[in-house]
C-alpha atoms as a PDB file:
ATOM      1  CA  UNK A   1      13.455   6.693   8.040  1.00  0.00           C
ATOM      2  CA  UNK A   2      11.595   9.296   6.011  1.00  0.00           C
ATOM      3  CA  UNK A   3      10.358   6.927   3.306  1.00  0.00           C
ATOM      4  CA  UNK A   4       7.839   4.565   4.881  1.00  0.00           C
ATOM      5  CA  UNK A   5       7.293   0.941   3.906  1.00  0.00           C
ATOM      6  CA  UNK A   6       4.080  -1.039   3.574  1.00  0.00           C
ATOM      7  CA  UNK A   7       4.373  -4.813   3.354  1.00  0.00           C
ATOM      8  CA  UNK A   8       1.171  -6.161   1.816  1.00  0.00           C
ATOM      9  CA  UNK A   9      -0.329  -9.561   1.146  1.00  0.00           C
ATOM     10  CA  UNK A  10       0.626 -10.948   4.544  1.00  0.00           C
ATOM     11  CA  UNK A  11      -0.766 -14.384   5.315  1.00  0.00           C
ATOM     12  CA  UNK A  12       1.370 -15.488   8.279  1.00  0.00           C
ATOM     13  CA  UNK A  13       2.030 -13.931  11.680  1.00  0.00           C
ATOM     14  CA  UNK A  14       5.755 -14.679  11.487  1.00  0.00           C
ATOM     15  CA  UNK A  15       6.051 -12.726   8.251  1.00  0.00           C
ATOM     16  CA  UNK A  16       4.216  -9.763   9.744  1.00  0.00           C
ATOM     17  CA  UNK A  17       6.498  -9.781  12.784  1.00  0.00           C
ATOM     18  CA  UNK A  18       9.547  -9.934  10.515  1.00  0.00           C
ATOM     19  CA  UNK A  19       8.249  -6.972   8.505  1.00  0.00           C
ATOM     20  CA  UNK A  20       7.618  -4.814  11.557  1.00  0.00           C
ATOM     21  CA  UNK A  21      10.895  -5.809  13.212  1.00  0.00           C
ATOM     22  CA  UNK A  22      12.729  -4.799  10.039  1.00  0.00           C
ATOM     23  CA  UNK A  23      11.081  -1.380  10.099  1.00  0.00           C
ATOM     24  CA  UNK A  24       7.828  -1.511   8.125  1.00  0.00           C
ATOM     25  CA  UNK A  25       5.304   1.081   9.285  1.00  0.00           C
ATOM     26  CA  UNK A  26       2.281  -0.410   7.486  1.00  0.00           C
ATOM     27  CA  UNK A  27       1.102  -3.999   7.093  1.00  0.00           C
ATOM     28  CA  UNK A  28      -1.527  -5.048   4.572  1.00  0.00           C
ATOM     29  CA  UNK A  29      -3.841  -8.035   4.386  1.00  0.00           C
ATOM     30  CA  UNK A  30      -5.937  -9.044   1.401  1.00  0.00           C
ATOM     31  CA  UNK A  31      -9.680  -9.606   1.794  1.00  0.00           C
ATOM     32  CA  UNK A  32     -10.345 -10.092  -1.923  1.00  0.00           C
ATOM     33  CA  UNK A  33     -11.412 -13.702  -2.406  1.00  0.00           C
ATOM     34  CA  UNK A  34      -9.967 -14.103  -5.901  1.00  0.00           C
ATOM     35  CA  UNK A  35      -6.474 -13.277  -4.674  1.00  0.00           C
ATOM     36  CA  UNK A  36      -4.038 -16.104  -3.897  1.00  0.00           C
ATOM     37  CA  UNK A  37      -3.101 -14.037  -0.810  1.00  0.00           C
ATOM     38  CA  UNK A  38      -6.674 -13.911   0.504  1.00  0.00           C
ATOM     39  CA  UNK A  39      -7.082 -14.485   4.239  1.00  0.00           C
ATOM     40  CA  UNK A  40     -10.144 -14.701   6.463  1.00  0.00           C
ATOM     41  CA  UNK A  41     -10.942 -12.273   9.285  1.00  0.00           C
ATOM     42  CA  UNK A  42      -9.932 -14.948  11.786  1.00  0.00           C
ATOM     43  CA  UNK A  43      -6.544 -15.403  10.136  1.00  0.00           C
ATOM     44  CA  UNK A  44      -6.079 -11.633  10.052  1.00  0.00           C
ATOM     45  CA  UNK A  45      -6.858 -11.326  13.751  1.00  0.00           C
ATOM     46  CA  UNK A  46      -4.245 -13.975  14.548  1.00  0.00           C
ATOM     47  CA  UNK A  47      -1.668 -12.004  12.575  1.00  0.00           C
ATOM     48  CA  UNK A  48      -2.515  -8.701  14.226  1.00  0.00           C
ATOM     49  CA  UNK A  49      -2.383 -10.146  17.726  1.00  0.00           C
ATOM     50  CA  UNK A  50       1.342 -10.655  17.171  1.00  0.00           C
ATOM     51  CA  UNK A  51       1.969  -7.009  16.275  1.00  0.00           C
ATOM     52  CA  UNK A  52       2.337  -3.809  18.314  1.00  0.00           C
ATOM     53  CA  UNK A  53      -0.534  -1.334  18.086  1.00  0.00           C
ATOM     54  CA  UNK A  54       1.720   1.368  16.641  1.00  0.00           C
ATOM     55  CA  UNK A  55       1.799  -0.450  13.282  1.00  0.00           C
ATOM     56  CA  UNK A  56      -0.836   0.814  10.856  1.00  0.00           C
ATOM     57  CA  UNK A  57      -2.989  -2.018   9.558  1.00  0.00           C
ATOM     58  CA  UNK A  58      -4.534  -1.930   6.093  1.00  0.00           C
ATOM     59  CA  UNK A  59      -7.283  -4.157   4.719  1.00  0.00           C
ATOM     60  CA  UNK A  60      -7.256  -4.534   0.933  1.00  0.00           C
ATOM     61  CA  UNK A  61     -10.574  -5.009  -0.884  1.00  0.00           C
ATOM     62  CA  UNK A  62     -11.610  -4.931  -4.532  1.00  0.00           C
ATOM     63  CA  UNK A  63     -15.147  -3.801  -5.352  1.00  0.00           C
ATOM     64  CA  UNK A  64     -16.447  -5.089  -1.989  1.00  0.00           C
ATOM     65  CA  UNK A  65     -20.102  -5.202  -1.040  1.00  0.00           C
ATOM     66  CA  UNK A  66     -21.246  -3.744   2.266  1.00  0.00           C
ATOM     67  CA  UNK A  67     -21.912  -7.138   3.837  1.00  0.00           C
ATOM     68  CA  UNK A  68     -18.321  -8.269   3.416  1.00  0.00           C
ATOM     69  CA  UNK A  69     -16.916  -4.905   4.497  1.00  0.00           C
ATOM     70  CA  UNK A  70     -19.170  -4.936   7.565  1.00  0.00           C
ATOM     71  CA  UNK A  71     -17.920  -8.361   8.588  1.00  0.00           C
ATOM     72  CA  UNK A  72     -14.224  -7.626   8.139  1.00  0.00           C
ATOM     73  CA  UNK A  73     -14.274  -4.177   9.755  1.00  0.00           C
ATOM     74  CA  UNK A  74     -16.275  -5.559  12.689  1.00  0.00           C
ATOM     75  CA  UNK A  75     -13.968  -8.537  13.267  1.00  0.00           C
ATOM     76  CA  UNK A  76     -10.531  -7.168  12.347  1.00  0.00           C
ATOM     77  CA  UNK A  77      -8.630  -4.241  13.848  1.00  0.00           C
ATOM     78  CA  UNK A  78      -8.073  -2.134  10.743  1.00  0.00           C
ATOM     79  CA  UNK A  79      -6.664   1.378  10.635  1.00  0.00           C
ATOM     80  CA  UNK A  80      -7.258   1.896   6.926  1.00  0.00           C
ATOM     81  CA  UNK A  81      -9.288   0.449   4.053  1.00  0.00           C
ATOM     82  CA  UNK A  82      -7.606   0.020   0.671  1.00  0.00           C
ATOM     83  CA  UNK A  83      -9.939  -0.112  -2.334  1.00  0.00           C
ATOM     84  CA  UNK A  84      -8.060  -1.765  -5.151  1.00  0.00           C
ATOM     85  CA  UNK A  85     -10.777  -2.468  -7.694  1.00  0.00           C
ATOM     86  CA  UNK A  86     -12.846  -0.409 -10.119  1.00  0.00           C
ATOM     87  CA  UNK A  87     -14.665   1.477  -7.373  1.00  0.00           C
ATOM     88  CA  UNK A  88     -16.423   4.629  -8.522  1.00  0.00           C
ATOM     89  CA  UNK A  89     -15.979   7.959  -6.790  1.00  0.00           C
ATOM     90  CA  UNK A  90     -19.408   7.492  -5.194  1.00  0.00           C
ATOM     91  CA  UNK A  91     -18.463   4.030  -3.928  1.00  0.00           C
ATOM     92  CA  UNK A  92     -15.272   5.336  -2.316  1.00  0.00           C
ATOM     93  CA  UNK A  93     -17.217   8.142  -0.684  1.00  0.00           C
ATOM     94  CA  UNK A  94     -19.798   5.722   0.744  1.00  0.00           C
ATOM     95  CA  UNK A  95     -17.132   3.451   2.198  1.00  0.00           C
ATOM     96  CA  UNK A  96     -15.394   6.393   3.812  1.00  0.00           C
ATOM     97  CA  UNK A  97     -18.644   7.701   5.304  1.00  0.00           C
ATOM     98  CA  UNK A  98     -20.086   4.360   6.367  1.00  0.00           C
ATOM     99  CA  UNK A  99     -17.027   2.916   8.085  1.00  0.00           C
ATOM    100  CA  UNK A 100     -15.267   5.979   9.446  1.00  0.00           C
ATOM    101  CA  UNK A 101     -11.805   4.779   8.443  1.00  0.00           C
ATOM    102  CA  UNK A 102      -9.268   6.465   6.166  1.00  0.00           C
ATOM    103  CA  UNK A 103      -9.567   5.118   2.628  1.00  0.00           C
ATOM    104  CA  UNK A 104      -6.721   4.425   0.212  1.00  0.00           C
ATOM    105  CA  UNK A 105      -7.872   4.365  -3.416  1.00  0.00           C
ATOM    106  CA  UNK A 106      -5.666   2.452  -5.825  1.00  0.00           C
ATOM    107  CA  UNK A 107      -5.305   3.825  -9.333  1.00  0.00           C
ATOM    108  CA  UNK A 108      -3.847   1.675 -12.107  1.00  0.00           C
ATOM    109  CA  UNK A 109      -1.258   3.364 -14.317  1.00  0.00           C
ATOM    110  CA  UNK A 110       0.127   2.487 -17.701  1.00  0.00           C
ATOM    111  CA  UNK A 111       0.372   5.855 -19.447  1.00  0.00           C
ATOM    112  CA  UNK A 112       0.172   9.510 -18.446  1.00  0.00           C
ATOM    113  CA  UNK A 113      -3.450   9.506 -19.566  1.00  0.00           C
ATOM    114  CA  UNK A 114      -4.358   7.294 -16.603  1.00  0.00           C
ATOM    115  CA  UNK A 115      -3.624  10.208 -14.261  1.00  0.00           C
ATOM    116  CA  UNK A 116      -6.808  11.862 -15.536  1.00  0.00           C
ATOM    117  CA  UNK A 117      -8.737   9.843 -12.943  1.00  0.00           C
ATOM    118  CA  UNK A 118      -6.854  11.353 -10.007  1.00  0.00           C
ATOM    119  CA  UNK A 119      -8.694  14.687  -9.565  1.00  0.00           C
ATOM    120  CA  UNK A 120     -12.075  12.962  -9.206  1.00  0.00           C
ATOM    121  CA  UNK A 121     -10.861  10.868  -6.259  1.00  0.00           C
ATOM    122  CA  UNK A 122      -9.043  13.609  -4.365  1.00  0.00           C
ATOM    123  CA  UNK A 123     -12.164  14.848  -2.507  1.00  0.00           C
ATOM    124  CA  UNK A 124     -13.225  11.352  -1.378  1.00  0.00           C
ATOM    125  CA  UNK A 125      -9.988   9.456  -0.681  1.00  0.00           C
ATOM    126  CA  UNK A 126      -7.578  10.030   2.187  1.00  0.00           C
ATOM    127  CA  UNK A 127      -4.690   8.441   0.296  1.00  0.00           C
ATOM    128  CA  UNK A 128      -3.948   7.361  -3.267  1.00  0.00           C
ATOM    129  CA  UNK A 129      -1.956   4.304  -4.280  1.00  0.00           C
ATOM    130  CA  UNK A 130      -0.454   3.932  -7.734  1.00  0.00           C
ATOM    131  CA  UNK A 131      -0.070   0.415  -9.100  1.00  0.00           C
ATOM    132  CA  UNK A 132       0.611  -0.992 -12.552  1.00  0.00           C
ATOM    133  CA  UNK A 133      -2.350  -1.712 -14.777  1.00  0.00           C
ATOM    134  CA  UNK A 134      -2.941  -5.496 -14.628  1.00  0.00           C
ATOM    135  CA  UNK A 135      -2.356  -7.644 -17.713  1.00  0.00           C
ATOM    136  CA  UNK A 136      -5.237  -8.261 -20.087  1.00  0.00           C
ATOM    137  CA  UNK A 137      -7.561 -11.000 -18.865  1.00  0.00           C
ATOM    138  CA  UNK A 138      -6.050 -10.866 -15.356  1.00  0.00           C
ATOM    139  CA  UNK A 139      -8.268 -12.381 -12.669  1.00  0.00           C
ATOM    140  CA  UNK A 140      -7.351  -9.783 -10.036  1.00  0.00           C
ATOM    141  CA  UNK A 141      -6.522  -6.071 -10.054  1.00  0.00           C
ATOM    142  CA  UNK A 142      -3.142  -6.249  -8.300  1.00  0.00           C
ATOM    143  CA  UNK A 143      -0.368  -8.423  -6.932  1.00  0.00           C
ATOM    144  CA  UNK A 144       1.127  -9.261 -10.334  1.00  0.00           C
ATOM    145  CA  UNK A 145       4.654  -8.015  -9.654  1.00  0.00           C
ATOM    146  CA  UNK A 146       4.519  -5.657 -12.628  1.00  0.00           C
ATOM    147  CA  UNK A 147       6.104  -2.206 -12.610  1.00  0.00           C
ATOM    148  CA  UNK A 148       4.941   0.785 -14.633  1.00  0.00           C
ATOM    149  CA  UNK A 149       6.905   3.701 -16.078  1.00  0.00           C
ATOM    150  CA  UNK A 150       7.868   5.681 -12.976  1.00  0.00           C
ATOM    151  CA  UNK A 151       8.427   8.789 -15.096  1.00  0.00           C
ATOM    152  CA  UNK A 152       4.634   9.172 -15.115  1.00  0.00           C
ATOM    153  CA  UNK A 153       4.840  10.297 -11.485  1.00  0.00           C
ATOM    154  CA  UNK A 154       7.879  12.545 -11.729  1.00  0.00           C
ATOM    155  CA  UNK A 155       7.240  15.933 -10.127  1.00  0.00           C
ATOM    156  CA  UNK A 156       3.613  15.037  -9.431  1.00  0.00           C
ATOM    157  CA  UNK A 157       2.114  16.208  -6.131  1.00  0.00           C
ATOM    158  CA  UNK A 158      -1.452  16.112  -4.873  1.00  0.00           C
ATOM    159  CA  UNK A 159      -3.460  17.349  -1.918  1.00  0.00           C
ATOM    160  CA  UNK A 160      -3.493  13.871  -0.333  1.00  0.00           C
ATOM    161  CA  UNK A 161      -0.552  11.556   0.402  1.00  0.00           C
ATOM    162  CA  UNK A 162       0.205   8.763  -2.037  1.00  0.00           C
ATOM    163  CA  UNK A 163       1.870   5.362  -2.107  1.00  0.00           C
ATOM    164  CA  UNK A 164       4.005   3.826  -4.845  1.00  0.00           C
ATOM    165  CA  UNK A 165       3.337   0.158  -5.638  1.00  0.00           C
ATOM    166  CA  UNK A 166       3.720  -2.194  -8.562  1.00  0.00           C
ATOM    167  CA  UNK A 167       6.627  -4.559  -9.127  1.00  0.00           C
ATOM    168  CA  UNK A 168       8.902  -3.088  -6.473  1.00  0.00           C
ATOM    169  CA  UNK A 169      11.810  -5.270  -5.323  1.00  0.00           C
ATOM    170  CA  UNK A 170      14.955  -4.866  -3.229  1.00  0.00           C
ATOM    171  CA  UNK A 171      16.897  -4.191  -6.424  1.00  0.00           C
ATOM    172  CA  UNK A 172      14.679  -1.498  -7.962  1.00  0.00           C
ATOM    173  CA  UNK A 173      12.983   0.291  -5.059  1.00  0.00           C
ATOM    174  CA  UNK A 174      15.799   2.819  -4.586  1.00  0.00           C
ATOM    175  CA  UNK A 175      15.566   3.883  -8.222  1.00  0.00           C
ATOM    176  CA  UNK A 176      11.778   4.029  -7.990  1.00  0.00           C
ATOM    177  CA  UNK A 177      11.992   6.397  -5.031  1.00  0.00           C
ATOM    178  CA  UNK A 178      14.586   8.552  -6.758  1.00  0.00           C
ATOM    179  CA  UNK A 179      12.498   8.782  -9.934  1.00  0.00           C
ATOM    180  CA  UNK A 180       9.126   9.465  -8.319  1.00  0.00           C
ATOM    181  CA  UNK A 181       9.874  11.150  -4.995  1.00  0.00           C
ATOM    182  CA  UNK A 182       7.594   8.646  -3.274  1.00  0.00           C
ATOM    183  CA  UNK A 183       7.538   8.838   0.505  1.00  0.00           C
ATOM    184  CA  UNK A 184       5.633   5.565   0.995  1.00  0.00           C
ATOM    185  CA  UNK A 185       6.353   2.375  -0.952  1.00  0.00           C
ATOM    186  CA  UNK A 186       4.261  -0.801  -1.027  1.00  0.00           C
ATOM    187  CA  UNK A 187       5.597  -4.287  -1.740  1.00  0.00           C
ATOM    188  CA  UNK A 188       4.067  -7.747  -1.795  1.00  0.00           C
ATOM    189  CA  UNK A 189       5.379 -10.228  -4.370  1.00  0.00           C
ATOM    190  CA  UNK A 190       8.778  -8.498  -4.429  1.00  0.00           C
ATOM    191  CA  UNK A 191       9.623  -9.859  -0.971  1.00  0.00           C
ATOM    192  CA  UNK A 192       8.110 -13.331  -1.319  1.00  0.00           C
ATOM    193  CA  UNK A 193       9.660 -16.796  -1.400  1.00  0.00           C
ATOM    194  CA  UNK A 194       6.464 -17.996  -3.029  1.00  0.00           C
ATOM    195  CA  UNK A 195       2.953 -16.568  -3.290  1.00  0.00           C
ATOM    196  CA  UNK A 196       1.729 -15.620   0.154  1.00  0.00           C
ATOM    197  CA  UNK A 197       4.956 -16.526   1.953  1.00  0.00           C
ATOM    198  CA  UNK A 198       7.372 -13.680   2.635  1.00  0.00           C
ATOM    199  CA  UNK A 199      11.144 -13.930   2.802  1.00  0.00           C
ATOM    200  CA  UNK A 200      12.687 -12.272   5.850  1.00  0.00           C
ATOM    201  CA  UNK A 201      15.931 -11.842   3.905  1.00  0.00           C
ATOM    202  CA  UNK A 202      14.121 -10.025   1.076  1.00  0.00           C
ATOM    203  CA  UNK A 203      12.192  -7.855   3.529  1.00  0.00           C
ATOM    204  CA  UNK A 204      15.448  -6.806   5.185  1.00  0.00           C
ATOM    205  CA  UNK A 205      17.045  -6.116   1.796  1.00  0.00           C
ATOM    206  CA  UNK A 206      14.027  -4.117   0.642  1.00  0.00           C
ATOM    207  CA  UNK A 207      13.955  -1.893   3.722  1.00  0.00           C
ATOM    208  CA  UNK A 208      17.748  -1.460   3.611  1.00  0.00           C
ATOM    209  CA  UNK A 209      17.428  -0.253   0.007  1.00  0.00           C
ATOM    210  CA  UNK A 210      14.694   2.179   1.028  1.00  0.00           C
ATOM    211  CA  UNK A 211      16.899   3.570   3.794  1.00  0.00           C
ATOM    212  CA  UNK A 212      19.816   3.928   1.386  1.00  0.00           C
ATOM    213  CA  UNK A 213      17.682   5.820  -1.099  1.00  0.00           C
ATOM    214  CA  UNK A 214      16.283   7.987   1.652  1.00  0.00           C
ATOM    215  CA  UNK A 215      19.718   9.009   2.906  1.00  0.00           C
ATOM    216  CA  UNK A 216      20.762   9.792  -0.664  1.00  0.00           C
ATOM    217  CA  UNK A 217      17.719  11.973  -1.226  1.00  0.00           C
ATOM    218  CA  UNK A 218      17.942  13.780   2.124  1.00  0.00           C
ATOM    219  CA  UNK A 219      21.481  13.447   3.499  1.00  0.00           C
ATOM    220  CA  UNK A 220      21.226  16.384   5.893  1.00  0.00           C
ATOM    221  CA  UNK A 221      17.671  16.282   7.161  1.00  0.00           C
ATOM    222  CA  UNK A 222      15.952  12.885   7.461  1.00  0.00           C
ATOM    223  CA  UNK A 223      12.723  14.657   8.412  1.00  0.00           C
ATOM    224  CA  UNK A 224      12.511  16.436   5.059  1.00  0.00           C
ATOM    225  CA  UNK A 225      10.387  14.715   2.432  1.00  0.00           C
ATOM    226  CA  UNK A 226       7.400  15.314   0.214  1.00  0.00           C
ATOM    227  CA  UNK A 227       5.237  17.505   2.418  1.00  0.00           C
ATOM    228  CA  UNK A 228       1.982  16.013   1.143  1.00  0.00           C
ATOM    229  CA  UNK A 229       2.707  12.528   2.470  1.00  0.00           C
ATOM    230  CA  UNK A 230       4.498  13.356   5.680  1.00  0.00           C
ATOM    231  CA  UNK A 231       2.095  15.994   6.910  1.00  0.00           C
ATOM    232  CA  UNK A 232      -1.061  14.107   5.986  1.00  0.00           C
ATOM    233  CA  UNK A 233       0.138  10.886   7.558  1.00  0.00           C
ATOM    234  CA  UNK A 234       0.739  12.725  10.831  1.00  0.00           C
ATOM    235  CA  UNK A 235      -2.720  14.223  10.693  1.00  0.00           C
ATOM    236  CA  UNK A 236      -4.285  10.764  10.373  1.00  0.00           C
ATOM    237  CA  UNK A 237      -2.392   9.263  13.302  1.00  0.00           C
END
């Protein structure tokens, strides 16, 4: 499968196993205390013990301080750090230097103007993730199940790989891939039975839709995709 899948907001080992068994290449866990999907390092370790090492593990943080990052990175086997808050360019650079892990920087989109932030982060982030701008007065920066206008990302390519997030579901992910050319998609609430509890049926449907879209985009050569994401992801492995 050329288009990779990240299942985020995992809180239970059985959901993580279901995601990986279905074909997800990335699993994400939330270490932002205000999130209803927040888990502790101990809970995260229990989840990861049930998974094969080949799966890439992502820890999601929002404006974290060094003490909390130190604790989580020390206690949890993470392959990548996702910064999903209002982190400055300097903050992203410090995290990358201090912890020696690839960093995904989330950028909230609502209009084309929001893409103006991208060039500043390119030198300091290993990946970008595009999510919908949260509603006004929201108590957390992500996980709201809101999509943005995918046309914003049409024909856009950068020097680092990027991930499409924000309101993706089994019914709309194929269109999202077709519209944006994304080679990695991220889902959390779109495959849940309720907050923090994933549905195996929805996970299977989501990944089946991704595979269908992928075969439609690249019917002759499954290995052909956006060069920025595929080549960079191989370099990081």
